[in-house]
Amino acid sequence: MVGDETMHYDTTPFTAANSGYRIAFHPGERNFCPGCGQSHWSIGRMTAECAFCATALPINNGGTFGPGLFSVTHKPQPLAA
């Protein structure tokens, strides 16, 4: 190093809101691999992997998933006699 030059690292926590553009696999559309440009994919539950260069992309299906997705918000009413 020359003089008082030092390396500075960003120590702020990572958040998705300030991470910028993210490449994702979109089901039902033609997706080209950002690594090699091919369009053949092995699709799993959470990611899609390029069949040529093995670049993996998260699947963006526009929805949510998890145990809280299906919940009942009303109480069952008794049947009228």
N, C-alpha and C. Protein backbone atom coordinates (compact mmCIF):
# COMPACT_ATOMS: atom_id res chain seq x y z
N MET A 1 0.83 -1.18 0.00
CA MET A 1 0.00 0.00 0.00
C MET A 1 0.87 1.24 0.00
N VAL A 2 0.36 2.27 -0.62
CA VAL A 2 1.08 3.51 -0.70
C VAL A 2 0.45 4.53 0.24
N GLY A 3 1.22 5.11 1.11
CA GLY A 3 0.70 6.14 2.01
C GLY A 3 -0.31 5.60 2.99
N ASP A 4 -1.38 6.39 3.21
CA ASP A 4 -2.41 6.02 4.17
C ASP A 4 -3.63 5.38 3.52
N GLU A 5 -3.46 4.81 2.33
CA GLU A 5 -4.60 4.19 1.66
C GLU A 5 -5.00 2.93 2.40
N THR A 6 -6.26 2.84 2.73
CA THR A 6 -6.78 1.64 3.38
C THR A 6 -8.03 1.19 2.65
N MET A 7 -8.35 -0.07 2.80
CA MET A 7 -9.55 -0.61 2.17
C MET A 7 -10.72 -0.41 3.12
N HIS A 8 -11.83 0.06 2.58
CA HIS A 8 -13.03 0.27 3.38
C HIS A 8 -14.10 -0.71 2.93
N TYR A 9 -14.71 -1.37 3.88
CA TYR A 9 -15.76 -2.33 3.58
C TYR A 9 -17.10 -1.80 4.06
N ASP A 10 -18.13 -2.06 3.28
CA ASP A 10 -19.47 -1.68 3.67
C ASP A 10 -19.97 -2.67 4.70
N THR A 11 -20.23 -2.23 5.89
CA THR A 11 -20.66 -3.13 6.96
C THR A 11 -22.15 -3.02 7.26
N THR A 12 -22.90 -2.27 6.43
CA THR A 12 -24.34 -2.19 6.66
C THR A 12 -24.98 -3.53 6.34
N PRO A 13 -26.02 -3.91 7.07
CA PRO A 13 -26.64 -5.22 6.83
C PRO A 13 -27.31 -5.28 5.46
N PHE A 14 -27.30 -6.47 4.90
CA PHE A 14 -27.92 -6.70 3.60
C PHE A 14 -29.43 -6.74 3.75
N THR A 15 -30.13 -6.03 2.88
CA THR A 15 -31.59 -6.12 2.81
C THR A 15 -31.98 -6.24 1.34
N ALA A 16 -33.05 -6.94 1.07
CA ALA A 16 -33.48 -7.15 -0.31
C ALA A 16 -33.91 -5.85 -0.97
N ALA A 17 -34.37 -4.89 -0.19
CA ALA A 17 -34.84 -3.63 -0.76
C ALA A 17 -33.72 -2.82 -1.39
N ASN A 18 -32.52 -2.93 -0.86
CA ASN A 18 -31.42 -2.15 -1.43
C ASN A 18 -30.42 -3.01 -2.20
N SER A 19 -30.82 -4.21 -2.59
CA SER A 19 -29.89 -5.10 -3.28
C SER A 19 -29.89 -4.89 -4.79
N GLY A 20 -30.85 -4.17 -5.34
CA GLY A 20 -30.85 -3.91 -6.77
C GLY A 20 -31.57 -4.98 -7.57
N TYR A 21 -31.31 -4.99 -8.88
CA TYR A 21 -31.97 -5.92 -9.79
C TYR A 21 -31.47 -7.33 -9.57
N ARG A 22 -32.37 -8.28 -9.58
CA ARG A 22 -32.00 -9.69 -9.42
C ARG A 22 -32.57 -10.50 -10.57
N ILE A 23 -31.73 -11.29 -11.17
CA ILE A 23 -32.15 -12.17 -12.25
C ILE A 23 -32.88 -13.35 -11.64
N ALA A 24 -34.02 -13.74 -12.22
CA ALA A 24 -34.80 -14.85 -11.71
C ALA A 24 -35.41 -15.62 -12.88
N PHE A 25 -35.74 -16.88 -12.64
CA PHE A 25 -36.42 -17.71 -13.61
C PHE A 25 -37.91 -17.44 -13.50
N HIS A 26 -38.57 -17.18 -14.63
CA HIS A 26 -40.00 -16.89 -14.65
C HIS A 26 -40.73 -18.04 -15.34
N PRO A 27 -41.50 -18.85 -14.59
CA PRO A 27 -42.24 -19.95 -15.20
C PRO A 27 -43.22 -19.45 -16.25
N GLY A 28 -43.37 -20.19 -17.34
CA GLY A 28 -44.30 -19.84 -18.38
C GLY A 28 -43.75 -18.85 -19.40
N GLU A 29 -42.51 -18.42 -19.22
CA GLU A 29 -41.87 -17.50 -20.16
C GLU A 29 -40.61 -18.14 -20.71
N ARG A 30 -40.10 -17.58 -21.80
CA ARG A 30 -38.84 -18.07 -22.35
C ARG A 30 -37.71 -17.41 -21.56
N ASN A 31 -36.90 -18.23 -20.91
CA ASN A 31 -35.83 -17.73 -20.06
C ASN A 31 -34.49 -18.10 -20.67
N PHE A 32 -33.63 -17.12 -20.83
CA PHE A 32 -32.28 -17.36 -21.34
C PHE A 32 -31.31 -17.31 -20.17
N CYS A 33 -30.34 -18.22 -20.18
CA CYS A 33 -29.36 -18.29 -19.11
C CYS A 33 -28.44 -17.08 -19.17
N PRO A 34 -28.22 -16.41 -18.02
CA PRO A 34 -27.31 -15.27 -18.02
C PRO A 34 -25.85 -15.69 -18.16
N GLY A 35 -25.56 -16.99 -17.95
CA GLY A 35 -24.19 -17.47 -18.04
C GLY A 35 -23.77 -17.87 -19.44
N CYS A 36 -24.67 -18.56 -20.17
CA CYS A 36 -24.28 -19.08 -21.49
C CYS A 36 -25.25 -18.71 -22.60
N GLY A 37 -26.43 -18.20 -22.29
CA GLY A 37 -27.39 -17.79 -23.30
C GLY A 37 -28.32 -18.89 -23.79
N GLN A 38 -28.18 -20.11 -23.30
CA GLN A 38 -29.05 -21.22 -23.70
C GLN A 38 -30.39 -21.09 -22.99
N SER A 39 -31.35 -21.91 -23.40
CA SER A 39 -32.68 -21.81 -22.79
C SER A 39 -33.24 -23.17 -22.38
N HIS A 40 -32.38 -24.09 -21.97
CA HIS A 40 -32.81 -25.40 -21.48
C HIS A 40 -32.57 -25.44 -19.98
N TRP A 41 -33.62 -25.78 -19.21
CA TRP A 41 -33.55 -25.68 -17.76
C TRP A 41 -33.99 -26.96 -17.08
N SER A 42 -33.39 -27.27 -15.96
CA SER A 42 -33.85 -28.30 -15.03
C SER A 42 -34.53 -27.55 -13.89
N ILE A 43 -35.83 -27.75 -13.75
CA ILE A 43 -36.60 -26.94 -12.81
C ILE A 43 -36.92 -27.74 -11.56
N GLY A 44 -36.60 -27.16 -10.42
CA GLY A 44 -36.88 -27.77 -9.12
C GLY A 44 -37.98 -27.01 -8.41
N ARG A 45 -38.06 -27.18 -7.10
CA ARG A 45 -39.09 -26.48 -6.32
C ARG A 45 -38.74 -25.02 -6.07
N MET A 46 -37.47 -24.73 -5.84
CA MET A 46 -37.06 -23.37 -5.47
C MET A 46 -36.15 -22.71 -6.51
N THR A 47 -35.42 -23.53 -7.29
CA THR A 47 -34.49 -22.98 -8.26
C THR A 47 -34.62 -23.69 -9.60
N ALA A 48 -34.13 -23.03 -10.65
CA ALA A 48 -34.02 -23.62 -11.97
C ALA A 48 -32.55 -23.58 -12.34
N GLU A 49 -32.04 -24.68 -12.89
CA GLU A 49 -30.63 -24.79 -13.22
C GLU A 49 -30.46 -24.97 -14.72
N CYS A 50 -29.54 -24.21 -15.30
CA CYS A 50 -29.26 -24.32 -16.73
C CYS A 50 -28.72 -25.71 -17.03
N ALA A 51 -29.25 -26.36 -18.05
CA ALA A 51 -28.82 -27.71 -18.41
C ALA A 51 -27.44 -27.72 -19.06
N PHE A 52 -26.94 -26.58 -19.50
CA PHE A 52 -25.65 -26.52 -20.18
C PHE A 52 -24.52 -26.11 -19.24
N CYS A 53 -24.70 -25.02 -18.50
CA CYS A 53 -23.58 -24.52 -17.68
C CYS A 53 -23.84 -24.59 -16.18
N ALA A 54 -25.00 -25.08 -15.76
CA ALA A 54 -25.36 -25.28 -14.35
C ALA A 54 -25.54 -23.99 -13.57
N THR A 55 -25.80 -22.87 -14.24
CA THR A 55 -26.13 -21.64 -13.54
C THR A 55 -27.50 -21.81 -12.89
N ALA A 56 -27.61 -21.53 -11.61
CA ALA A 56 -28.87 -21.69 -10.89
C ALA A 56 -29.51 -20.33 -10.66
N LEU A 57 -30.82 -20.25 -10.90
CA LEU A 57 -31.60 -19.03 -10.67
C LEU A 57 -32.77 -19.34 -9.76
N PRO A 58 -33.12 -18.42 -8.88
CA PRO A 58 -34.33 -18.62 -8.06
C PRO A 58 -35.56 -18.52 -8.94
N ILE A 59 -36.59 -19.29 -8.60
CA ILE A 59 -37.83 -19.26 -9.37
C ILE A 59 -38.71 -18.14 -8.84
N ASN A 60 -39.13 -17.25 -9.72
CA ASN A 60 -40.01 -16.15 -9.36
C ASN A 60 -41.39 -16.48 -9.89
N ASN A 61 -42.23 -17.02 -9.03
CA ASN A 61 -43.58 -17.37 -9.48
C ASN A 61 -44.60 -16.34 -9.02
N GLY A 62 -44.17 -15.28 -8.39
CA GLY A 62 -45.07 -14.19 -8.02
C GLY A 62 -45.98 -14.47 -6.85
N GLY A 63 -45.82 -15.59 -6.20
CA GLY A 63 -46.70 -15.91 -5.08
C GLY A 63 -45.93 -16.14 -3.81
N THR A 64 -46.65 -16.53 -2.79
CA THR A 64 -46.03 -16.84 -1.52
C THR A 64 -46.20 -18.32 -1.25
N PHE A 65 -45.44 -18.80 -0.30
CA PHE A 65 -45.54 -20.20 0.08
C PHE A 65 -45.25 -20.32 1.56
N GLY A 66 -45.60 -21.44 2.12
CA GLY A 66 -45.33 -21.66 3.53
C GLY A 66 -46.57 -22.10 4.27
N PRO A 67 -46.41 -22.40 5.56
CA PRO A 67 -47.54 -22.91 6.33
C PRO A 67 -48.63 -21.88 6.56
N GLY A 68 -48.36 -20.60 6.48
CA GLY A 68 -49.37 -19.59 6.74
C GLY A 68 -50.18 -19.20 5.52
N LEU A 69 -49.91 -19.83 4.38
CA LEU A 69 -50.59 -19.46 3.15
C LEU A 69 -52.07 -19.81 3.19
N PHE A 70 -52.40 -20.97 3.71
CA PHE A 70 -53.79 -21.41 3.76
C PHE A 70 -54.26 -21.35 5.21
N SER A 71 -55.13 -20.41 5.49
CA SER A 71 -55.65 -20.31 6.84
C SER A 71 -57.14 -20.00 6.78
N VAL A 72 -57.85 -20.47 7.78
CA VAL A 72 -59.29 -20.24 7.86
C VAL A 72 -59.50 -19.01 8.73
N THR A 73 -60.24 -18.04 8.22
CA THR A 73 -60.45 -16.80 8.98
C THR A 73 -61.86 -16.69 9.55
N HIS A 74 -62.72 -17.64 9.28
CA HIS A 74 -64.09 -17.58 9.81
C HIS A 74 -64.34 -18.78 10.70
N LYS A 75 -65.27 -18.59 11.65
CA LYS A 75 -65.65 -19.67 12.53
C LYS A 75 -66.78 -20.46 11.89
N PRO A 76 -66.74 -21.78 11.98
CA PRO A 76 -67.86 -22.56 11.40
C PRO A 76 -69.16 -22.27 12.16
N GLN A 77 -70.25 -22.14 11.41
CA GLN A 77 -71.56 -21.88 11.98
C GLN A 77 -72.33 -23.20 12.14
N PRO A 78 -73.12 -23.33 13.19
CA PRO A 78 -73.91 -24.57 13.34
C PRO A 78 -74.98 -24.63 12.26
N LEU A 79 -75.29 -25.84 11.86
CA LEU A 79 -76.32 -26.07 10.84
C LEU A 79 -77.71 -25.77 11.41
N ALA A 80 -78.55 -25.13 10.60
CA ALA A 80 -79.93 -24.84 11.03
C ALA A 80 -80.76 -26.11 10.97
N ALA A 81 -81.62 -26.31 11.97
CA ALA A 81 -82.42 -27.52 12.03
C ALA A 81 -83.68 -27.45 11.23
